[in-house]
N, C-alpha and C. Protein backbone atom coordinates (compact mmCIF):
# COMPACT_ATOMS: atom_id res chain seq x y z
N MET A 1 146.86 185.55 113.64
CA MET A 1 147.09 184.20 113.64
C MET A 1 145.68 183.49 113.98
N SER A 2 145.98 181.78 112.95
CA SER A 2 145.32 180.67 113.28
C SER A 2 144.87 180.24 114.75
N GLY A 3 143.75 179.35 114.36
CA GLY A 3 144.09 178.84 116.13
C GLY A 3 145.06 177.49 116.15
N PRO A 4 145.22 177.46 116.73
CA PRO A 4 146.61 176.32 117.91
C PRO A 4 147.10 175.06 116.52
N ARG A 5 147.83 173.87 116.26
CA ARG A 5 147.98 173.06 116.26
C ARG A 5 148.14 171.80 116.93
N ALA A 6 147.59 172.40 118.53
CA ALA A 6 148.83 171.43 120.00
C ALA A 6 148.16 170.06 119.51
N ALA A 7 146.16 170.47 119.24
CA ALA A 7 146.07 169.16 119.29
C ALA A 7 145.92 168.33 117.73
N GLU A 8 146.61 168.21 116.96
CA GLU A 8 147.76 167.80 116.09
C GLU A 8 149.22 167.09 116.75
N GLU A 9 149.60 167.16 117.64
CA GLU A 9 150.69 167.16 118.41
C GLU A 9 150.63 165.54 119.30
N PRO A 10 151.22 164.43 118.70
CA PRO A 10 151.70 163.23 119.51
C PRO A 10 152.00 163.83 121.46
N ALA A 11 151.41 162.50 121.78
CA ALA A 11 151.32 163.23 123.24
C ALA A 11 152.93 163.25 123.67
N GLY A 12 153.71 162.12 122.60
CA GLY A 12 155.28 162.51 123.60
C GLY A 12 156.08 163.18 123.03
N GLY A 13 155.10 165.01 122.43
CA GLY A 13 155.69 165.91 121.76
C GLY A 13 156.34 166.44 121.16
N SER A 14 156.65 165.19 119.71
CA SER A 14 156.57 165.88 118.65
C SER A 14 155.87 165.78 117.81
N VAL A 15 156.38 166.84 116.66
CA VAL A 15 155.43 167.69 115.53
C VAL A 15 155.74 166.33 114.33
N GLY A 16 154.50 166.58 114.12
CA GLY A 16 154.33 165.94 112.26
C GLY A 16 154.60 164.13 113.04
N GLY A 17 155.78 164.20 111.60
CA GLY A 17 155.84 162.19 111.72
C GLY A 17 156.76 162.45 112.86
N GLY A 18 156.58 162.46 113.43
CA GLY A 18 158.40 162.55 115.00
C GLY A 18 159.49 162.54 115.48
N THR A 19 159.88 164.43 113.95
CA THR A 19 160.10 165.41 114.58
C THR A 19 160.34 166.13 115.60
N GLN A 20 161.06 166.53 115.99
CA GLN A 20 161.65 168.13 117.51
C GLN A 20 161.24 168.78 117.22
N GLN A 21 160.88 169.09 118.02
CA GLN A 21 160.03 170.80 117.21
C GLN A 21 161.12 171.57 116.97
N ARG A 22 161.49 172.77 115.75
CA ARG A 22 162.62 172.95 116.07
C ARG A 22 162.57 174.07 116.26
N TRP A 23 161.82 175.10 116.17
CA TRP A 23 162.08 176.27 116.85
C TRP A 23 159.76 177.49 117.91
N ARG A 24 160.86 177.86 119.25
CA ARG A 24 159.58 178.52 118.93
C ARG A 24 158.08 178.60 119.08
N GLY A 25 157.51 177.88 119.13
CA GLY A 25 156.03 178.28 118.95
C GLY A 25 155.72 177.20 117.25
N GLU A 26 156.95 176.68 116.93
CA GLU A 26 156.34 175.73 116.09
C GLU A 26 155.53 174.93 115.68
N ARG A 27 155.30 174.23 116.74
CA ARG A 27 154.22 173.45 116.92
C ARG A 27 152.60 174.32 117.28
N LEU A 28 153.08 175.68 117.22
CA LEU A 28 151.15 176.70 117.28
C LEU A 28 150.81 176.85 116.48
N GLY A 29 152.09 177.01 115.12
CA GLY A 29 151.67 177.29 113.76
C GLY A 29 152.57 178.50 113.59
N LEU A 30 153.15 179.00 114.74
CA LEU A 30 153.94 180.45 114.56
C LEU A 30 154.39 179.93 113.45
N PRO A 31 155.40 181.81 112.59
CA PRO A 31 156.80 181.21 112.75
C PRO A 31 158.32 181.36 112.98
N GLU A 32 159.94 181.55 112.38
CA GLU A 32 160.53 181.86 112.95
C GLU A 32 160.67 182.87 113.43
N SER A 33 161.15 182.87 112.82
CA SER A 33 161.75 184.25 113.03
C SER A 33 160.64 185.65 112.61
N GLY A 34 161.01 187.37 113.16
CA GLY A 34 159.67 188.47 112.18
C GLY A 34 158.74 189.04 113.33
N VAL A 35 157.58 188.81 112.65
CA VAL A 35 156.05 189.32 113.27
C VAL A 35 155.50 188.07 113.62
N GLY A 36 154.60 188.21 114.77
CA GLY A 36 154.20 186.84 114.61
C GLY A 36 154.39 185.85 116.05
N SER A 37 155.67 185.69 115.48
CA SER A 37 157.06 184.74 116.31
C SER A 37 157.66 184.46 117.95
N ILE A 38 157.73 183.96 118.67
CA ILE A 38 157.64 183.45 119.79
C ILE A 38 159.30 184.89 120.07
N PRO A 39 159.06 186.26 120.81
CA PRO A 39 160.40 187.18 120.61
C PRO A 39 160.62 186.93 122.47
N SER A 40 162.02 187.02 122.02
CA SER A 40 162.99 186.18 123.15
C SER A 40 162.24 186.61 125.01
N THR A 41 162.96 186.39 125.36
CA THR A 41 163.08 186.08 126.74
C THR A 41 164.15 188.19 127.66
N ALA A 42 164.53 188.23 127.05
CA ALA A 42 165.26 189.22 127.11
C ALA A 42 164.24 190.51 127.29
N ARG A 43 163.74 190.75 126.00
CA ARG A 43 162.62 191.00 125.07
C ARG A 43 161.56 191.33 126.30
N ARG A 44 161.22 190.29 126.19
CA ARG A 44 159.60 189.93 127.88
C ARG A 44 160.12 191.34 128.79
N ALA A 45 160.76 190.72 129.23
CA ALA A 45 162.37 191.30 130.75
C ALA A 45 162.22 192.61 130.27
N VAL A 46 162.57 193.33 129.82
CA VAL A 46 162.42 194.66 129.66
C VAL A 46 161.67 194.79 128.93
N ALA A 47 160.75 194.36 128.30
CA ALA A 47 159.48 195.07 128.60
C ALA A 47 158.45 195.85 130.49
N MET A 48 158.60 194.55 130.57
CA MET A 48 158.17 194.51 131.90
C MET A 48 159.10 195.40 133.15
N LEU A 49 160.57 195.56 132.67
CA LEU A 49 161.35 196.41 133.81
C LEU A 49 160.92 198.07 132.85
N ILE A 50 160.48 198.07 131.69
CA ILE A 50 159.94 199.53 131.92
C ILE A 50 158.62 200.02 131.47
N ASP A 51 157.09 199.05 132.20
CA ASP A 51 156.51 199.12 132.16
C ASP A 51 156.20 199.95 133.69
N CYS A 52 157.15 198.43 135.41
CA CYS A 52 157.30 198.90 136.48
C CYS A 52 157.99 200.53 136.73
N VAL A 53 158.95 200.33 135.36
CA VAL A 53 159.23 202.01 135.83
C VAL A 53 158.63 202.98 135.56
N LEU A 54 157.40 202.24 134.63
CA LEU A 54 156.34 203.94 133.47
C LEU A 54 155.16 203.80 135.13
N ALA A 55 154.89 202.71 135.99
CA ALA A 55 153.99 203.09 137.48
C ALA A 55 154.39 202.56 137.99
N ALA A 56 156.28 203.40 138.22
CA ALA A 56 156.50 204.23 139.80
C ALA A 56 156.78 205.42 139.61
N LEU A 57 156.92 205.80 138.28
CA LEU A 57 157.05 207.41 137.40
C LEU A 57 154.63 208.35 138.05
N ILE A 58 154.33 207.58 138.13
CA ILE A 58 153.45 207.40 137.24
C ILE A 58 153.02 208.41 138.91
N THR A 59 153.01 207.34 139.91
CA THR A 59 151.87 206.91 141.47
C THR A 59 152.56 207.72 141.34
N GLY A 60 154.54 208.27 141.73
CA GLY A 60 155.70 209.13 142.74
C GLY A 60 154.36 210.74 142.60
N LEU A 61 153.45 211.17 140.75
CA LEU A 61 153.77 212.57 140.70
C LEU A 61 152.09 212.46 141.72
N PHE A 62 151.44 211.35 141.98
CA PHE A 62 150.65 211.72 143.01
C PHE A 62 151.03 211.68 144.53
N THR A 63 152.61 210.96 144.28
CA THR A 63 152.47 210.82 146.06
C THR A 63 153.45 211.50 146.46
N MET A 64 154.19 212.53 145.74
CA MET A 64 155.33 213.42 146.34
C MET A 64 155.01 214.35 147.61
N PRO A 65 155.79 214.48 148.30
CA PRO A 65 157.52 213.92 148.01
C PRO A 65 157.55 212.98 148.75
N ASP A 66 156.54 212.21 148.79
CA ASP A 66 157.07 210.90 149.17
C ASP A 66 157.72 210.09 147.92
N LEU A 67 157.76 208.96 147.96
CA LEU A 67 157.84 208.26 146.90
C LEU A 67 156.29 207.34 147.81
N PRO A 68 156.56 206.38 146.11
CA PRO A 68 154.43 205.59 146.09
C PRO A 68 154.97 204.09 146.50
N ARG A 69 155.31 203.57 147.21
CA ARG A 69 155.61 202.58 147.50
C ARG A 69 155.00 201.37 147.11
N ASN A 70 153.74 200.56 147.45
CA ASN A 70 153.58 199.56 147.02
C ASN A 70 152.07 200.31 146.21
N TRP A 71 151.89 201.81 146.31
CA TRP A 71 150.63 202.25 144.48
C TRP A 71 151.19 202.12 143.55
N SER A 72 152.84 202.28 143.26
CA SER A 72 152.84 201.94 141.98
C SER A 72 151.88 200.66 141.80
N LEU A 73 152.64 199.52 141.92
CA LEU A 73 151.32 197.79 142.18
C LEU A 73 150.16 197.91 141.02
N LEU A 74 149.83 199.16 142.23
CA LEU A 74 148.24 199.12 142.05
C LEU A 74 148.19 200.13 140.42
N THR A 75 149.79 200.75 139.95
CA THR A 75 148.96 201.49 138.78
C THR A 75 149.67 200.61 137.83
N TRP A 76 150.56 199.64 138.09
CA TRP A 76 151.33 199.24 136.86
C TRP A 76 149.69 197.60 136.25
N TYR A 77 149.73 197.44 137.79
CA TYR A 77 148.57 197.32 137.72
C TYR A 77 147.07 197.12 136.19
N LEU A 78 146.90 198.54 136.82
CA LEU A 78 145.35 198.99 136.39
C LEU A 78 146.27 199.22 134.48
N ILE A 79 148.13 199.41 134.26
CA ILE A 79 148.21 199.90 133.11
C ILE A 79 147.88 198.40 132.43
N GLY A 80 148.27 197.19 133.55
CA GLY A 80 148.21 196.19 132.60
C GLY A 80 147.13 196.09 132.05
N VAL A 81 145.96 195.49 132.75
CA VAL A 81 144.16 195.63 132.24
C VAL A 81 144.34 196.67 131.13
N ILE A 82 143.89 198.09 131.43
CA ILE A 82 143.44 198.99 130.21
C ILE A 82 144.64 198.19 128.93
N ALA A 83 144.85 198.16 128.72
CA ALA A 83 145.95 198.44 128.40
C ALA A 83 146.21 196.81 127.03
N VAL A 84 146.05 195.80 127.89
CA VAL A 84 146.20 194.46 126.87
C VAL A 84 145.13 194.40 126.99
N SER A 85 143.38 194.72 127.46
CA SER A 85 142.94 194.80 127.40
C SER A 85 141.91 195.59 126.23
N PHE A 86 142.31 196.39 126.21
CA PHE A 86 141.53 196.76 124.41
C PHE A 86 142.82 197.30 123.49
N PHE A 87 143.82 197.47 123.60
CA PHE A 87 144.93 197.22 122.00
C PHE A 87 146.27 196.27 122.62
N GLY A 88 146.18 195.22 123.44
CA GLY A 88 146.83 193.57 123.08
C GLY A 88 148.80 193.72 123.80
N PHE A 89 148.87 195.67 124.40
CA PHE A 89 150.77 195.09 124.71
C PHE A 89 149.97 196.64 125.91
N THR A 90 150.32 196.87 126.95
CA THR A 90 151.29 197.97 127.79
C THR A 90 152.00 198.56 126.83
N PRO A 91 152.81 199.25 127.94
CA PRO A 91 153.64 200.19 127.12
C PRO A 91 155.16 199.70 127.12
N GLY A 92 155.60 199.13 127.40
CA GLY A 92 156.60 198.42 127.29
C GLY A 92 156.51 197.98 127.22
N MET A 93 155.78 196.68 126.66
CA MET A 93 155.18 196.10 125.58
C MET A 93 155.53 196.55 123.96
N PHE A 94 154.53 197.78 123.80
CA PHE A 94 154.86 198.50 122.75
C PHE A 94 156.41 199.21 122.37
N ALA A 95 156.95 199.43 123.24
CA ALA A 95 158.27 200.14 122.93
C ALA A 95 159.18 198.68 122.78
N MET A 96 159.46 197.70 123.10
CA MET A 96 159.71 196.67 123.31
C MET A 96 159.21 195.68 121.57
N GLY A 97 157.74 196.23 120.80
CA GLY A 97 157.43 195.28 119.39
C GLY A 97 157.01 193.99 119.76
N VAL A 98 156.57 193.77 121.04
CA VAL A 98 155.45 192.68 121.62
C VAL A 98 153.96 192.84 122.26
N ARG A 99 153.15 192.58 122.04
CA ARG A 99 152.16 192.18 122.38
C ARG A 99 151.12 190.78 122.66
N VAL A 100 150.54 191.47 123.55
CA VAL A 100 149.67 189.17 123.89
C VAL A 100 148.47 189.12 123.21
N ALA A 101 148.27 188.47 122.13
CA ALA A 101 147.16 188.30 120.97
C ALA A 101 146.65 186.29 121.72
N ARG A 102 145.09 186.48 121.38
CA ARG A 102 144.95 185.52 121.82
C ARG A 102 144.72 183.88 121.12
N ILE A 103 145.31 183.32 121.58
CA ILE A 103 145.53 182.01 120.73
C ILE A 103 144.31 181.34 119.90
N ASP A 104 142.80 181.92 120.23
CA ASP A 104 142.27 181.34 119.23
C ASP A 104 141.76 182.38 117.92
N GLY A 105 142.57 183.24 117.56
CA GLY A 105 143.02 183.91 116.88
C GLY A 105 141.69 184.88 116.98
N SER A 106 140.73 185.77 118.04
CA SER A 106 139.68 187.33 118.04
C SER A 106 141.16 187.75 118.31
N ALA A 107 140.62 188.90 118.04
CA ALA A 107 141.38 191.03 118.49
C ALA A 107 141.68 190.47 118.90
N MET A 108 140.49 191.01 119.73
CA MET A 108 140.82 191.50 121.55
C MET A 108 141.09 190.50 122.50
N VAL A 109 141.71 190.89 123.50
CA VAL A 109 142.33 190.20 124.50
C VAL A 109 141.17 190.00 126.24
N GLY A 110 140.71 191.53 125.46
CA GLY A 110 139.13 192.35 126.49
C GLY A 110 139.54 191.58 127.74
N VAL A 111 138.34 192.60 128.37
CA VAL A 111 138.82 192.30 130.39
C VAL A 111 139.38 191.36 131.14
N PRO A 112 137.86 190.43 131.07
CA PRO A 112 138.05 189.27 131.60
C PRO A 112 139.85 188.49 131.84
N ARG A 113 140.21 188.85 130.55
CA ARG A 113 141.12 187.46 130.25
C ARG A 113 142.27 188.79 131.17
N ALA A 114 142.28 189.67 130.64
CA ALA A 114 144.07 190.72 131.13
C ALA A 114 143.84 190.73 132.90
N LEU A 115 142.31 190.83 133.03
CA LEU A 115 142.56 191.06 134.51
C LEU A 115 143.16 189.80 135.12
N LEU A 116 142.77 188.82 134.76
CA LEU A 116 143.36 187.13 135.36
C LEU A 116 145.03 187.19 134.78
N ARG A 117 145.14 187.11 133.93
CA ARG A 117 146.66 187.37 133.42
C ARG A 117 147.32 188.22 134.22
N THR A 118 146.34 189.13 134.22
CA THR A 118 147.62 190.67 134.87
C THR A 118 148.09 189.78 136.57
N ALA A 119 146.70 189.85 136.95
CA ALA A 119 146.57 189.02 138.51
C ALA A 119 147.28 187.69 138.66
N LEU A 120 147.43 186.98 138.37
CA LEU A 120 148.87 185.95 137.46
C LEU A 120 150.25 186.78 137.63
N VAL A 121 150.48 187.31 136.39
CA VAL A 121 152.13 187.95 136.56
C VAL A 121 152.01 188.62 137.80
N ALA A 122 151.40 189.75 138.55
CA ALA A 122 152.01 190.35 139.55
C ALA A 122 152.44 188.81 140.98
N ILE A 123 151.68 187.61 140.73
CA ILE A 123 152.42 186.84 141.34
C ILE A 123 153.61 185.99 141.55
N ILE A 124 154.29 186.40 140.32
CA ILE A 124 155.34 186.39 139.47
C ILE A 124 155.13 184.31 139.16
N ILE A 125 155.30 184.01 140.05
CA ILE A 125 154.98 182.60 139.93
C ILE A 125 154.35 181.52 139.03
N PRO A 126 153.68 182.31 137.92
CA PRO A 126 153.44 181.36 136.29
C PRO A 126 153.87 181.85 135.28
N ALA A 127 154.57 183.30 135.71
CA ALA A 127 155.40 183.94 135.10
C ALA A 127 156.56 183.39 134.23
N VAL A 128 157.28 183.11 135.54
CA VAL A 128 158.41 182.40 135.16
C VAL A 128 158.68 180.67 135.38
N VAL A 129 156.51 179.85 135.38
CA VAL A 129 156.92 179.11 134.18
C VAL A 129 156.33 178.88 133.31
N TRP A 130 157.70 178.75 132.45
CA TRP A 130 157.30 177.56 130.78
C TRP A 130 156.80 177.31 130.69
N ASP A 131 156.25 176.76 128.68
CA ASP A 131 156.93 175.32 128.16
C ASP A 131 157.56 175.58 127.47
N ARG A 132 157.76 174.84 126.09
CA ARG A 132 158.83 174.61 125.39
C ARG A 132 158.43 175.51 124.14
N ASP A 133 157.31 176.79 124.54
CA ASP A 133 157.08 176.97 123.14
C ASP A 133 157.04 178.78 123.85
N TYR A 134 158.24 179.14 125.13
CA TYR A 134 158.00 180.17 126.68
C TYR A 134 156.90 180.68 126.20
N ARG A 135 155.87 179.64 126.74
CA ARG A 135 154.36 180.33 126.54
C ARG A 135 154.02 179.92 128.28
N GLY A 136 153.99 180.84 129.24
CA GLY A 136 154.46 181.28 130.19
C GLY A 136 152.93 180.24 130.93
N LEU A 137 152.75 180.33 131.75
CA LEU A 137 151.72 179.67 132.57
C LEU A 137 150.34 180.72 132.59
N HIS A 138 150.91 181.64 133.10
CA HIS A 138 149.13 182.60 133.05
C HIS A 138 149.38 182.62 131.77
N ASP A 139 149.96 182.70 130.86
CA ASP A 139 149.00 182.77 129.19
C ASP A 139 149.20 181.41 129.00
N ARG A 140 148.92 180.29 129.59
CA ARG A 140 148.21 179.62 129.23
C ARG A 140 146.93 179.24 129.61
N LEU A 141 146.69 179.90 131.30
CA LEU A 141 145.72 179.30 131.84
C LEU A 141 144.58 180.31 131.08
N VAL A 142 144.70 181.01 130.40
CA VAL A 142 144.05 181.96 129.99
C VAL A 142 143.81 182.77 128.46
N GLY A 143 144.30 181.04 128.14
CA GLY A 143 144.30 180.94 126.21
C GLY A 143 144.91 182.04 124.89
N THR A 144 146.40 182.43 125.70
CA THR A 144 146.91 183.68 125.45
C THR A 144 149.02 183.60 125.06
N ILE A 145 149.01 183.71 124.07
CA ILE A 145 150.55 183.85 124.18
C ILE A 145 150.90 185.67 123.58
N VAL A 146 152.43 185.71 124.20
CA VAL A 146 153.36 186.82 123.91
C VAL A 146 154.31 186.59 122.35
N VAL A 147 153.93 187.68 121.93
CA VAL A 147 154.46 187.51 120.22
C VAL A 147 155.25 188.68 119.46
N ARG A 148 156.04 188.67 118.47
CA ARG A 148 156.25 190.18 117.87
C ARG A 148 155.54 191.45 117.17
N MET A 149 155.11 191.92 117.48
CA MET A 149 154.33 192.47 116.48
C MET A 149 155.09 194.14 115.95
N ARG A 150 156.68 193.27 115.09
CA ARG A 150 157.01 194.39 114.30
C ARG A 150 158.83 193.21 114.40
């Protein structure tokens, strides 16, 4: 993925010669569908659900016979930071065919961005405040975007 073309966008929010954006990610130079396009919110939500369940199950192995309670949040955070830092996706994202990519085109998200991104997702609000490209506030703040990988 090459760098964003957002700098070319006029202040009015149109792309190119005054036409409206036709699909999510068009103004960022992303394809309309397929690999590299913006995934649906349902696909992203299911990926998050898978990660939450996985974190609860892993934590439950250490807290048995008690429930994991809030310890599963720590497990979820660690899974998110480690997986996104080095691979660009969590287990849930991999299962749903999505990944986190840097807007500047660098190959790896990296630890600092993944730490901040995952912390912002944990407080929920930044993750549910989107722009017209379905890019969450957390992704905008760290310079990343979620795209389809298959």
